């Protein structure tokens, strides 16, 4: 579903990604973790071309992102993205937040888009809030709306960029519950997250990054299993995170 081949990226003279390669198969849930500044968010944003990269290639469902002539808006419409800070339109109701892209990008009728939106709001437990504005919802509720909005586009894959890191601890689980459900239904997912409980529960593979490189890329059982088999950097990271 996603093939990342030798991807490197620079900001000016600073290299943020170095020869990153990995594959995500249909139905896989891959968790990307690592210390701050390791390039996790940059890598995931390259997957739907929100960030350009200078070397290598990324192929999503057979379409090369870097090939001239690739219709990036069309590709992005098939790749759901959930950000750290929700990115909802504050001046639109929840219903309109869910239907605007369906109408403008997918060409659905207003009625069709609203129906789809309401079904998904119901699915994330927020149907009763359809007429509210984002500012009237808690952070956890807004993030669940953001997930529903991404799903409304019928994506072939979902990308999550630290979806719980801006939330109060009490709200984290309500968002993770929705993500767990999606994973169990077979949605292909790439998630940048520090939530190791989530990784242990639903990830098929864990990618560990440090200083713009993929250091570990292995099944979760292996990653959380015998820590002595992990790289020194991954061991240090895990000892800090799992210690608490």
Protein backbone atom coordinates (compact mmCIF):
# COMPACT_ATOMS: atom_id res chain seq x y z
CA UNK A 1 0.00 0.00 0.00
CA UNK A 2 2.86 2.37 0.87
CA UNK A 3 6.42 1.89 -0.30
CA UNK A 4 9.06 4.32 0.98
CA UNK A 5 12.33 3.95 -0.93
CA UNK A 6 15.59 5.61 0.13
CA UNK A 7 13.86 8.90 1.01
CA UNK A 8 16.09 11.79 2.06
CA UNK A 9 15.04 15.35 2.84
CA UNK A 10 16.85 18.57 3.66
CA UNK A 11 15.79 21.93 5.08
CA UNK A 12 18.50 24.05 3.49
CA UNK A 13 21.74 22.37 4.51
CA UNK A 14 20.15 20.49 7.43
CA UNK A 15 19.28 16.88 6.62
CA UNK A 16 16.07 15.79 8.37
CA UNK A 17 15.62 12.38 6.70
CA UNK A 18 18.42 10.06 5.58
CA UNK A 19 17.81 7.07 3.28
CA UNK A 20 14.51 6.03 4.88
CA UNK A 21 13.00 2.86 3.42
CA UNK A 22 10.04 0.78 4.58
CA UNK A 23 6.85 -0.88 3.31
CA UNK A 24 3.32 -0.81 4.67
CA UNK A 25 1.07 -3.60 3.38
CA UNK A 26 -2.70 -3.41 3.04
CA UNK A 27 -4.30 -3.84 6.47
CA UNK A 28 -1.03 -3.21 8.34
CA UNK A 29 -0.89 -0.96 11.38
CA UNK A 30 2.59 0.52 11.67
CA UNK A 31 3.59 2.67 14.64
CA UNK A 32 6.43 5.15 14.13
CA UNK A 33 8.13 6.21 17.35
CA UNK A 34 11.35 7.84 18.50
CA UNK A 35 12.64 10.91 20.34
CA UNK A 36 11.54 14.46 19.46
CA UNK A 37 13.21 15.77 16.35
CA UNK A 38 13.91 12.30 14.95
CA UNK A 39 12.00 12.97 11.71
CA UNK A 40 8.84 10.93 12.45
CA UNK A 41 6.31 13.64 11.59
CA UNK A 42 8.33 14.75 8.57
CA UNK A 43 8.37 11.19 7.21
CA UNK A 44 4.62 10.72 7.59
CA UNK A 45 3.93 14.12 5.96
CA UNK A 46 6.07 13.07 2.99
CA UNK A 47 3.72 10.11 2.45
CA UNK A 48 0.91 12.38 1.28
CA UNK A 49 3.22 15.05 -0.14
CA UNK A 50 2.53 17.65 2.53
CA UNK A 51 6.32 17.85 2.76
CA UNK A 52 8.48 17.64 -0.38
CA UNK A 53 11.55 15.41 -0.32
CA UNK A 54 14.66 15.72 -2.44
CA UNK A 55 15.78 12.13 -2.90
CA UNK A 56 14.15 8.70 -3.21
CA UNK A 57 10.52 7.89 -3.90
CA UNK A 58 7.26 7.10 -2.14
CA UNK A 59 4.63 4.98 -3.90
CA UNK A 60 1.08 4.92 -2.51
CA UNK A 61 -1.20 2.24 -3.95
CA UNK A 62 0.83 2.15 -7.16
CA UNK A 63 1.12 5.93 -7.58
CA UNK A 64 4.56 7.52 -7.29
CA UNK A 65 4.44 10.80 -5.35
CA UNK A 66 7.53 12.23 -7.00
CA UNK A 67 6.63 11.30 -10.58
CA UNK A 68 5.90 14.30 -12.79
CA UNK A 69 2.24 14.42 -13.65
CA UNK A 70 1.03 12.75 -10.43
CA UNK A 71 -2.25 14.36 -9.39
CA UNK A 72 -1.34 15.13 -5.75
CA UNK A 73 -4.75 16.56 -4.69
CA UNK A 74 -6.40 13.36 -5.99
CA UNK A 75 -3.86 11.21 -4.17
CA UNK A 76 -4.31 13.21 -0.94
CA UNK A 77 -8.07 12.73 -1.16
CA UNK A 78 -7.43 8.97 -0.77
CA UNK A 79 -4.97 9.29 2.11
CA UNK A 80 -6.64 10.28 5.39
CA UNK A 81 -4.53 12.52 7.64
CA UNK A 82 -5.15 13.27 11.30
CA UNK A 83 -2.98 15.98 12.80
CA UNK A 84 -1.84 16.80 16.31
CA UNK A 85 -3.98 19.95 16.47
CA UNK A 86 -7.23 18.76 14.82
CA UNK A 87 -7.16 21.39 12.02
CA UNK A 88 -10.96 21.72 11.95
CA UNK A 89 -12.57 24.81 10.39
CA UNK A 90 -13.59 26.87 13.47
CA UNK A 91 -16.30 28.84 11.60
CA UNK A 92 -18.10 25.73 10.32
CA UNK A 93 -20.39 23.39 12.24
CA UNK A 94 -19.25 19.84 12.84
CA UNK A 95 -21.59 18.63 10.08
CA UNK A 96 -20.13 21.13 7.60
CA UNK A 97 -16.59 20.23 8.63
CA UNK A 98 -17.37 16.65 7.63
CA UNK A 99 -19.19 17.40 4.38
CA UNK A 100 -17.25 20.27 2.75
CA UNK A 101 -14.39 18.15 1.32
CA UNK A 102 -16.78 15.37 0.27
CA UNK A 103 -18.72 17.91 -1.79
CA UNK A 104 -15.79 19.92 -3.16
CA UNK A 105 -13.27 17.10 -3.78
CA UNK A 106 -15.38 13.97 -4.29
CA UNK A 107 -18.32 15.74 -5.93
CA UNK A 108 -20.92 14.25 -3.58
CA UNK A 109 -24.28 15.97 -3.24
CA UNK A 110 -24.90 17.94 -0.05
CA UNK A 111 -27.40 15.35 1.13
CA UNK A 112 -25.07 12.43 0.40
CA UNK A 113 -22.15 14.14 2.16
CA UNK A 114 -24.27 14.93 5.22
CA UNK A 115 -25.59 11.37 5.43
CA UNK A 116 -22.08 9.98 5.30
CA UNK A 117 -20.92 12.55 7.87
CA UNK A 118 -23.72 11.72 10.30
CA UNK A 119 -23.00 7.98 10.07
CA UNK A 120 -19.36 8.60 10.90
CA UNK A 121 -20.20 11.02 13.73
CA UNK A 122 -22.41 8.31 15.15
CA UNK A 123 -19.55 5.86 14.82
CA UNK A 124 -17.17 8.07 16.85
CA UNK A 125 -19.93 8.74 19.40
CA UNK A 126 -20.61 12.38 18.54
CA UNK A 127 -23.87 12.41 16.60
CA UNK A 128 -25.52 14.60 19.24
CA UNK A 129 -22.92 17.33 18.60
CA UNK A 130 -23.47 17.66 14.84
CA UNK A 131 -24.80 21.23 14.97
CA UNK A 132 -22.07 22.56 17.29
CA UNK A 133 -18.90 24.39 16.32
CA UNK A 134 -15.43 22.94 17.03
CA UNK A 135 -14.81 25.47 19.81
CA UNK A 136 -17.76 24.04 21.75
CA UNK A 137 -16.17 20.58 21.92
CA UNK A 138 -13.39 19.21 24.11
CA UNK A 139 -10.02 18.40 22.56
CA UNK A 140 -10.79 14.68 22.55
CA UNK A 141 -14.12 15.27 20.83
CA UNK A 142 -12.51 17.53 18.23
CA UNK A 143 -9.90 14.88 17.46
CA UNK A 144 -12.63 12.26 17.03
CA UNK A 145 -14.37 14.65 14.60
CA UNK A 146 -11.06 14.99 12.74
CA UNK A 147 -10.86 11.20 12.43
CA UNK A 148 -14.47 11.04 11.20
CA UNK A 149 -13.72 13.80 8.68
CA UNK A 150 -10.74 11.84 7.31
CA UNK A 151 -12.86 8.65 7.09
CA UNK A 152 -15.61 10.52 5.21
CA UNK A 153 -13.29 10.63 2.20
CA UNK A 154 -13.18 6.79 2.02
CA UNK A 155 -9.38 6.70 2.38
CA UNK A 156 -7.30 3.69 1.39
CA UNK A 157 -4.88 4.47 4.20
CA UNK A 158 -4.92 6.62 7.36
CA UNK A 159 -1.94 8.62 8.61
CA UNK A 160 -1.89 9.85 12.22
CA UNK A 161 0.66 12.46 13.32
CA UNK A 162 0.80 12.34 17.13
CA UNK A 163 -3.01 12.44 17.37
CA UNK A 164 -3.09 12.38 21.19
CA UNK A 165 -0.11 14.54 22.14
CA UNK A 166 -2.11 17.78 22.38
CA UNK A 167 -4.84 16.21 24.54
CA UNK A 168 -5.42 16.14 28.28
CA UNK A 169 -4.54 12.68 29.62
CA UNK A 170 -8.23 11.98 30.36
CA UNK A 171 -9.12 12.44 26.68
CA UNK A 172 -6.39 10.27 25.20
CA UNK A 173 -8.27 6.98 25.52
CA UNK A 174 -11.41 8.16 23.77
CA UNK A 175 -9.30 8.90 20.69
CA UNK A 176 -7.20 5.73 20.97
CA UNK A 177 -10.39 3.65 21.28
CA UNK A 178 -11.54 4.92 17.87
CA UNK A 179 -8.10 4.17 16.41
CA UNK A 180 -8.07 0.66 17.89
CA UNK A 181 -11.49 -0.01 16.36
CA UNK A 182 -10.25 1.18 12.95
CA UNK A 183 -7.20 -1.06 13.21
CA UNK A 184 -9.34 -4.05 14.12
CA UNK A 185 -11.52 -3.41 11.07
CA UNK A 186 -8.46 -3.74 8.85
CA UNK A 187 -7.73 -0.09 8.01
CA UNK A 188 -4.17 0.41 6.77
CA UNK A 189 -2.58 2.85 9.24
CA UNK A 190 0.70 4.65 9.87
CA UNK A 191 0.73 6.29 13.30
CA UNK A 192 3.36 8.57 14.77
CA UNK A 193 2.75 8.20 18.50
CA UNK A 194 4.35 7.80 21.92
CA UNK A 195 1.41 5.67 23.08
CA UNK A 196 3.25 2.40 23.54
CA UNK A 197 0.14 0.69 24.98
CA UNK A 198 -1.60 1.36 21.66
CA UNK A 199 1.45 0.05 19.78
CA UNK A 200 1.46 -3.15 21.84
CA UNK A 201 -2.26 -3.65 21.37
CA UNK A 202 -2.77 -3.14 17.64
CA UNK A 203 0.48 -2.49 15.77
CA UNK A 204 1.79 -5.14 13.44
CA UNK A 205 5.15 -3.41 13.17
CA UNK A 206 7.08 -0.73 15.00
CA UNK A 207 9.48 1.67 13.29
CA UNK A 208 11.93 3.46 15.56
CA UNK A 209 13.60 6.61 14.23
CA UNK A 210 16.50 8.66 15.48
CA UNK A 211 18.20 11.66 13.86
CA UNK A 212 16.30 11.24 10.60
CA UNK A 213 17.08 7.56 10.14
CA UNK A 214 15.02 4.40 10.55
CA UNK A 215 17.00 2.48 13.19
CA UNK A 216 14.52 -0.33 13.87
CA UNK A 217 11.74 -1.75 11.71
CA UNK A 218 10.39 -4.99 13.12
CA UNK A 219 7.27 -6.84 14.32
CA UNK A 220 5.95 -5.46 17.62
CA UNK A 221 6.62 -8.74 19.44
CA UNK A 222 10.26 -8.37 18.55
CA UNK A 223 10.40 -4.65 19.38
CA UNK A 224 8.90 -5.06 22.86
CA UNK A 225 10.38 -8.52 23.44
CA UNK A 226 14.05 -9.01 24.25
CA UNK A 227 15.26 -5.43 24.69
CA UNK A 228 18.88 -6.55 24.56
CA UNK A 229 18.31 -7.24 20.85
CA UNK A 230 17.38 -3.60 20.19
CA UNK A 231 19.81 -0.85 19.23
CA UNK A 232 21.32 1.16 22.11
CA UNK A 233 19.25 4.19 21.10
CA UNK A 234 15.99 2.21 21.06
CA UNK A 235 16.85 0.61 24.41
CA UNK A 236 17.42 4.03 25.99
CA UNK A 237 14.15 5.35 24.52
CA UNK A 238 12.12 2.33 25.64
CA UNK A 239 13.61 2.30 29.13
CA UNK A 240 12.44 5.91 29.60
CA UNK A 241 8.99 5.36 28.14
CA UNK A 242 8.20 1.92 29.58
CA UNK A 243 9.68 2.75 32.97
CA UNK A 244 6.67 4.94 33.70
